[in-house]
Amino acid sequence: MPQTLSIHGKIIRGLESESDILEAWRIRIQQVVTFPFKAEIFEVQEYVSIIQQGDLLKVLAIDDIDDKYGIIAHARFGRKKVYFPLCELEAIDLSHEGKKYHF
C-alpha cells in the first residue's frame, strides 16, 4: 500500500537545504493565510523585551527568513511595529485553511 505524504511532506518534498525548506514554507504560508491575523506569544521572552509571553500581536505579513530564528513575521504590538519569529506565535483567528498548518 503506498504511503501518502502529509501536508507538511508535500510542501518540502525534494528539498534538502534548510533555506529552501524555509522559503517553501514562506511561500505556502502566504498562499493560505489571510493577513492580518491575531497571534499570542507562547514562548518566554527576555526580561527586558517589551513583548512578553501571553501578549497579543497583529501579524501583518511575512517579512523575511532569518538563519537563527526562521520565518520572521511583521506585526504590530499596540502602535509599535515589531518583527517576531513566527515559530514563537500561536495564531488565534486564522481561517479554516490556515489552521491546517502548525507553524
C-alpha atoms as a PDB file:
ATOM      1  CA  MET A   1       0.000   0.000   0.000  1.00  0.00           C
ATOM      2  CA  PRO A   2       1.568   3.361  -0.991  1.00  0.00           C
ATOM      3  CA  GLN A   3       2.213   5.749   1.842  1.00  0.00           C
ATOM      4  CA  THR A   4       0.618   9.178   1.389  1.00  0.00           C
ATOM      5  CA  LEU A   5       2.562  12.266   2.329  1.00  0.00           C
ATOM      6  CA  SER A   6       1.254  14.631   4.958  1.00  0.00           C
ATOM      7  CA  ILE A   7       0.572  18.238   4.025  1.00  0.00           C
ATOM      8  CA  HIS A   8       3.945  19.107   5.532  1.00  0.00           C
ATOM      9  CA  GLY A   9       5.708  16.430   3.481  1.00  0.00           C
ATOM     10  CA  LYS A  10       4.167  17.652   0.243  1.00  0.00           C
ATOM     11  CA  ILE A  11       5.388  21.200   0.851  1.00  0.00           C
ATOM     12  CA  ILE A  12       9.017  20.246   1.415  1.00  0.00           C
ATOM     13  CA  ARG A  13       9.258  17.179  -0.841  1.00  0.00           C
ATOM     14  CA  GLY A  14      12.584  17.099  -2.666  1.00  0.00           C
ATOM     15  CA  LEU A  15      14.086  19.998  -0.719  1.00  0.00           C
ATOM     16  CA  GLU A  16      17.273  19.423   1.207  1.00  0.00           C
ATOM     17  CA  SER A  17      18.702  22.712   2.437  1.00  0.00           C
ATOM     18  CA  GLU A  18      17.167  24.460   5.412  1.00  0.00           C
ATOM     19  CA  SER A  19      16.953  27.730   3.484  1.00  0.00           C
ATOM     20  CA  ASP A  20      14.998  26.042   0.657  1.00  0.00           C
ATOM     21  CA  ILE A  21      12.616  24.449   3.162  1.00  0.00           C
ATOM     22  CA  LEU A  22      12.008  27.771   4.940  1.00  0.00           C
ATOM     23  CA  GLU A  23      11.423  29.514   1.612  1.00  0.00           C
ATOM     24  CA  ALA A  24       8.889  26.835   0.609  1.00  0.00           C
ATOM     25  CA  TRP A  25       7.072  27.356   3.927  1.00  0.00           C
ATOM     26  CA  ARG A  26       7.142  31.155   3.486  1.00  0.00           C
ATOM     27  CA  ILE A  27       5.518  30.815   0.067  1.00  0.00           C
ATOM     28  CA  ARG A  28       2.892  28.332   1.327  1.00  0.00           C
ATOM     29  CA  ILE A  29       2.002  30.498   4.321  1.00  0.00           C
ATOM     30  CA  GLN A  30       1.466  33.483   2.044  1.00  0.00           C
ATOM     31  CA  GLN A  31      -0.812  31.342  -0.150  1.00  0.00           C
ATOM     32  CA  VAL A  32      -3.112  30.012   2.593  1.00  0.00           C
ATOM     33  CA  VAL A  33      -3.092  32.585   5.382  1.00  0.00           C
ATOM     34  CA  THR A  34      -5.215  35.713   5.239  1.00  0.00           C
ATOM     35  CA  PHE A  35      -3.391  38.656   6.768  1.00  0.00           C
ATOM     36  CA  PRO A  36      -3.724  40.323   9.198  1.00  0.00           C
ATOM     37  CA  PHE A  37      -4.451  37.847  11.975  1.00  0.00           C
ATOM     38  CA  LYS A  38      -4.067  37.886  15.747  1.00  0.00           C
ATOM     39  CA  ALA A  39      -1.437  35.778  17.464  1.00  0.00           C
ATOM     40  CA  GLU A  40      -0.340  35.177  21.031  1.00  0.00           C
ATOM     41  CA  ILE A  41       3.278  34.962  22.172  1.00  0.00           C
ATOM     42  CA  PHE A  42       3.650  31.486  23.672  1.00  0.00           C
ATOM     43  CA  GLU A  43       7.411  31.417  24.294  1.00  0.00           C
ATOM     44  CA  VAL A  44       9.012  33.051  27.324  1.00  0.00           C
ATOM     45  CA  GLN A  45      10.846  36.199  26.219  1.00  0.00           C
ATOM     46  CA  GLU A  46      13.873  38.002  27.611  1.00  0.00           C
ATOM     47  CA  TYR A  47      13.047  40.022  30.711  1.00  0.00           C
ATOM     48  CA  VAL A  48      13.966  43.342  29.047  1.00  0.00           C
ATOM     49  CA  SER A  49      11.769  42.775  25.960  1.00  0.00           C
ATOM     50  CA  ILE A  50       8.691  44.983  25.501  1.00  0.00           C
ATOM     51  CA  ILE A  51       6.833  41.848  24.377  1.00  0.00           C
ATOM     52  CA  GLN A  52       6.224  39.072  26.878  1.00  0.00           C
ATOM     53  CA  GLN A  53       4.644  35.628  26.935  1.00  0.00           C
ATOM     54  CA  GLY A  54       0.856  35.928  26.639  1.00  0.00           C
ATOM     55  CA  ASP A  55       0.900  39.266  24.767  1.00  0.00           C
ATOM     56  CA  LEU A  56      -1.161  39.583  21.570  1.00  0.00           C
ATOM     57  CA  LEU A  57       0.235  40.742  18.235  1.00  0.00           C
ATOM     58  CA  LYS A  58      -1.496  41.648  14.994  1.00  0.00           C
ATOM     59  CA  VAL A  59       0.502  39.809  12.312  1.00  0.00           C
ATOM     60  CA  LEU A  60       0.510  41.876   9.127  1.00  0.00           C
ATOM     61  CA  ALA A  61       2.771  39.865   6.814  1.00  0.00           C
ATOM     62  CA  ILE A  62       5.695  37.514   6.491  1.00  0.00           C
ATOM     63  CA  ASP A  63       8.768  39.717   6.367  1.00  0.00           C
ATOM     64  CA  ASP A  64      11.921  37.657   5.976  1.00  0.00           C
ATOM     65  CA  ILE A  65      13.754  34.439   6.688  1.00  0.00           C
ATOM     66  CA  ASP A  66      16.481  34.543   9.315  1.00  0.00           C
ATOM     67  CA  ASP A  67      19.203  31.909   9.745  1.00  0.00           C
ATOM     68  CA  LYS A  68      18.773  31.810  13.528  1.00  0.00           C
ATOM     69  CA  TYR A  69      15.026  32.451  14.014  1.00  0.00           C
ATOM     70  CA  GLY A  70      13.445  31.087  10.831  1.00  0.00           C
ATOM     71  CA  ILE A  71      10.443  32.848   9.313  1.00  0.00           C
ATOM     72  CA  ILE A  72      10.006  36.381  10.638  1.00  0.00           C
ATOM     73  CA  ALA A  73       6.559  37.967  10.913  1.00  0.00           C
ATOM     74  CA  HIS A  74       5.946  41.708  10.516  1.00  0.00           C
ATOM     75  CA  ALA A  75       3.478  42.605  13.264  1.00  0.00           C
ATOM     76  CA  ARG A  76       2.099  45.316  15.498  1.00  0.00           C
ATOM     77  CA  PHE A  77       2.089  45.355  19.264  1.00  0.00           C
ATOM     78  CA  GLY A  78      -0.288  48.167  20.014  1.00  0.00           C
ATOM     79  CA  ARG A  79       1.076  51.028  17.905  1.00  0.00           C
ATOM     80  CA  LYS A  80       4.615  49.648  17.732  1.00  0.00           C
ATOM     81  CA  LYS A  81       5.924  47.836  14.652  1.00  0.00           C
ATOM     82  CA  VAL A  82       7.719  44.638  15.597  1.00  0.00           C
ATOM     83  CA  TYR A  83       9.368  41.757  13.793  1.00  0.00           C
ATOM     84  CA  PHE A  84       8.957  38.417  15.516  1.00  0.00           C
ATOM     85  CA  PRO A  85       9.792  34.745  14.838  1.00  0.00           C
ATOM     86  CA  LEU A  86       6.658  33.051  13.518  1.00  0.00           C
ATOM     87  CA  CYS A  87       7.593  29.848  15.384  1.00  0.00           C
ATOM     88  CA  GLU A  88       7.033  31.648  18.721  1.00  0.00           C
ATOM     89  CA  LEU A  89       3.468  32.705  17.879  1.00  0.00           C
ATOM     90  CA  GLU A  90       0.171  30.887  18.340  1.00  0.00           C
ATOM     91  CA  ALA A  91      -2.424  32.032  15.804  1.00  0.00           C
ATOM     92  CA  ILE A  92      -5.765  32.979  17.338  1.00  0.00           C
ATOM     93  CA  ASP A  93      -8.057  33.840  14.454  1.00  0.00           C
ATOM     94  CA  LEU A  94      -6.875  32.057  11.306  1.00  0.00           C
ATOM     95  CA  SER A  95      -9.169  30.817   8.569  1.00  0.00           C
ATOM     96  CA  HIS A  96     -10.001  27.101   8.466  1.00  0.00           C
ATOM     97  CA  GLU A  97      -7.427  26.557   5.683  1.00  0.00           C
ATOM     98  CA  GLY A  98      -4.710  28.363   7.631  1.00  0.00           C
ATOM     99  CA  LYS A  99      -5.361  26.263  10.736  1.00  0.00           C
ATOM    100  CA  LYS A 100      -4.304  23.078   8.906  1.00  0.00           C
ATOM    101  CA  TYR A 101      -0.700  24.180   9.236  1.00  0.00           C
ATOM    102  CA  HIS A 102       1.087  24.250  12.556  1.00  0.00           C
ATOM    103  CA  PHE A 103       3.664  26.974  12.101  1.00  0.00           C
END
